[in-house]
Amino acid sequence: PDGLPVSSFSDVTLPVDGALCQSDIIVIPAFWDDFETLCQRYPQILPWLREQHANV
């Protein structure tokens, strides 16, 4: 929201080049481990990813 660079979990600096609502990429971090386990724990993830894909 402030336009300043952010640091990732692995301490990589990511520059900000625009508003998040205007982005066209979804990053699914590797540290989330097993995708099936993730979907069971957060069942809203897969429908949301499908919705985002449909909006491209």
N, C-alpha and C. Protein backbone atom coordinates (compact mmCIF):
# COMPACT_ATOMS: atom_id res chain seq x y z
N PRO A 1 0.80 -1.21 0.00
CA PRO A 1 0.00 0.00 0.00
C PRO A 1 0.83 1.27 0.00
N ASP A 2 2.09 1.18 0.51
CA ASP A 2 2.90 2.39 0.59
C ASP A 2 3.84 2.55 -0.60
N GLY A 3 3.88 1.58 -1.52
CA GLY A 3 4.72 1.68 -2.70
C GLY A 3 6.18 1.36 -2.48
N LEU A 4 6.54 0.98 -1.26
CA LEU A 4 7.94 0.66 -0.95
C LEU A 4 8.23 -0.81 -1.23
N PRO A 5 9.50 -1.14 -1.54
CA PRO A 5 9.86 -2.54 -1.76
C PRO A 5 9.53 -3.39 -0.53
N VAL A 6 9.28 -4.67 -0.77
CA VAL A 6 8.98 -5.60 0.32
C VAL A 6 10.02 -6.71 0.32
N SER A 7 10.17 -7.37 1.46
CA SER A 7 11.09 -8.50 1.57
C SER A 7 10.30 -9.80 1.66
N SER A 8 10.77 -10.80 0.95
CA SER A 8 10.12 -12.11 0.98
C SER A 8 10.54 -12.87 2.23
N PHE A 9 9.93 -14.02 2.43
CA PHE A 9 10.26 -14.89 3.55
C PHE A 9 11.74 -15.26 3.53
N SER A 10 12.30 -15.42 2.33
CA SER A 10 13.71 -15.79 2.18
C SER A 10 14.61 -14.57 2.07
N ASP A 11 14.09 -13.41 2.47
CA ASP A 11 14.85 -12.15 2.52
C ASP A 11 15.26 -11.64 1.13
N VAL A 12 14.45 -11.89 0.13
CA VAL A 12 14.66 -11.34 -1.20
C VAL A 12 13.85 -10.06 -1.30
N THR A 13 14.48 -8.97 -1.72
CA THR A 13 13.78 -7.70 -1.86
C THR A 13 13.02 -7.67 -3.18
N LEU A 14 11.74 -7.36 -3.10
CA LEU A 14 10.88 -7.29 -4.28
C LEU A 14 10.44 -5.85 -4.50
N PRO A 15 10.83 -5.25 -5.63
CA PRO A 15 10.42 -3.87 -5.89
C PRO A 15 8.93 -3.80 -6.20
N VAL A 16 8.34 -2.68 -5.92
CA VAL A 16 6.92 -2.46 -6.20
C VAL A 16 6.82 -1.63 -7.48
N ASP A 17 6.02 -2.12 -8.43
CA ASP A 17 5.92 -1.44 -9.72
C ASP A 17 4.49 -1.04 -10.06
N GLY A 18 3.57 -1.24 -9.13
CA GLY A 18 2.18 -0.90 -9.39
C GLY A 18 1.29 -1.42 -8.29
N ALA A 19 0.03 -1.13 -8.40
CA ALA A 19 -0.93 -1.55 -7.39
C ALA A 19 -1.15 -3.06 -7.45
N LEU A 20 -1.33 -3.67 -6.30
CA LEU A 20 -1.55 -5.11 -6.22
C LEU A 20 -2.80 -5.52 -6.99
N CYS A 21 -3.83 -4.69 -6.94
CA CYS A 21 -5.08 -5.03 -7.65
C CYS A 21 -4.89 -5.05 -9.16
N GLN A 22 -3.80 -4.47 -9.67
CA GLN A 22 -3.53 -4.45 -11.10
C GLN A 22 -2.56 -5.56 -11.52
N SER A 23 -2.14 -6.38 -10.59
CA SER A 23 -1.17 -7.43 -10.91
C SER A 23 -1.85 -8.57 -11.66
N ASP A 24 -1.05 -9.29 -12.44
CA ASP A 24 -1.59 -10.42 -13.19
C ASP A 24 -0.78 -11.69 -12.93
N ILE A 25 -0.30 -11.81 -11.70
CA ILE A 25 0.48 -12.99 -11.32
C ILE A 25 0.07 -13.42 -9.91
N ILE A 26 0.06 -14.70 -9.71
CA ILE A 26 -0.21 -15.26 -8.39
C ILE A 26 1.01 -16.08 -8.01
N VAL A 27 1.59 -15.80 -6.88
CA VAL A 27 2.76 -16.52 -6.40
C VAL A 27 2.32 -17.49 -5.31
N ILE A 28 2.59 -18.76 -5.53
CA ILE A 28 2.30 -19.78 -4.52
C ILE A 28 3.65 -20.22 -3.97
N PRO A 29 4.01 -19.75 -2.79
CA PRO A 29 5.33 -20.04 -2.24
C PRO A 29 5.58 -21.53 -2.03
N ALA A 30 6.81 -21.94 -2.28
CA ALA A 30 7.19 -23.35 -2.10
C ALA A 30 7.13 -23.77 -0.65
N PHE A 31 7.28 -22.85 0.29
CA PHE A 31 7.29 -23.24 1.70
C PHE A 31 5.92 -23.67 2.18
N TRP A 32 4.91 -23.59 1.32
CA TRP A 32 3.57 -24.08 1.69
C TRP A 32 3.53 -25.59 1.69
N ASP A 33 4.57 -26.22 1.19
CA ASP A 33 4.72 -27.67 1.23
C ASP A 33 3.77 -28.36 0.26
N ASP A 34 3.06 -29.34 0.70
CA ASP A 34 2.23 -30.19 -0.15
C ASP A 34 0.93 -29.48 -0.54
N PHE A 35 0.67 -29.37 -1.85
CA PHE A 35 -0.50 -28.64 -2.33
C PHE A 35 -1.80 -29.30 -1.89
N GLU A 36 -1.84 -30.62 -1.87
CA GLU A 36 -3.06 -31.32 -1.42
C GLU A 36 -3.37 -31.00 0.03
N THR A 37 -2.35 -30.97 0.86
CA THR A 37 -2.53 -30.62 2.27
C THR A 37 -3.00 -29.18 2.39
N LEU A 38 -2.43 -28.31 1.58
CA LEU A 38 -2.83 -26.91 1.57
C LEU A 38 -4.31 -26.78 1.23
N CYS A 39 -4.76 -27.50 0.20
CA CYS A 39 -6.16 -27.43 -0.22
C CYS A 39 -7.11 -27.97 0.85
N GLN A 40 -6.66 -28.98 1.58
CA GLN A 40 -7.49 -29.51 2.67
C GLN A 40 -7.58 -28.52 3.82
N ARG A 41 -6.47 -27.88 4.10
CA ARG A 41 -6.44 -26.92 5.21
C ARG A 41 -7.16 -25.63 4.86
N TYR A 42 -7.02 -25.19 3.61
CA TYR A 42 -7.64 -23.95 3.14
C TYR A 42 -8.48 -24.26 1.91
N PRO A 43 -9.67 -24.80 2.08
CA PRO A 43 -10.48 -25.23 0.93
C PRO A 43 -10.87 -24.10 -0.01
N GLN A 44 -10.79 -22.87 0.42
CA GLN A 44 -11.15 -21.74 -0.45
C GLN A 44 -10.07 -21.43 -1.48
N ILE A 45 -8.87 -22.00 -1.34
CA ILE A 45 -7.77 -21.69 -2.25
C ILE A 45 -8.05 -22.11 -3.69
N LEU A 46 -8.43 -23.37 -3.90
CA LEU A 46 -8.63 -23.86 -5.26
C LEU A 46 -9.75 -23.12 -6.00
N PRO A 47 -10.92 -22.90 -5.41
CA PRO A 47 -11.95 -22.11 -6.11
C PRO A 47 -11.46 -20.69 -6.42
N TRP A 48 -10.70 -20.10 -5.51
CA TRP A 48 -10.19 -18.74 -5.74
C TRP A 48 -9.20 -18.74 -6.90
N LEU A 49 -8.31 -19.74 -6.96
CA LEU A 49 -7.36 -19.82 -8.07
C LEU A 49 -8.10 -19.99 -9.40
N ARG A 50 -9.13 -20.82 -9.40
CA ARG A 50 -9.92 -21.01 -10.62
C ARG A 50 -10.60 -19.71 -11.04
N GLU A 51 -11.12 -18.98 -10.08
CA GLU A 51 -11.78 -17.70 -10.37
C GLU A 51 -10.78 -16.70 -10.94
N GLN A 52 -9.58 -16.66 -10.37
CA GLN A 52 -8.56 -15.74 -10.87
C GLN A 52 -8.17 -16.11 -12.30
N HIS A 53 -8.05 -17.40 -12.56
CA HIS A 53 -7.69 -17.86 -13.90
C HIS A 53 -8.78 -17.48 -14.92
N ALA A 54 -10.02 -17.59 -14.52
CA ALA A 54 -11.13 -17.25 -15.41
C ALA A 54 -11.19 -15.75 -15.71
N ASN A 55 -10.65 -14.94 -14.81
CA ASN A 55 -10.70 -13.48 -14.97
C ASN A 55 -9.55 -12.93 -15.80
N VAL A 56 -8.66 -13.78 -16.27
CA VAL A 56 -7.49 -13.30 -17.02
C VAL A 56 -7.88 -12.98 -18.44
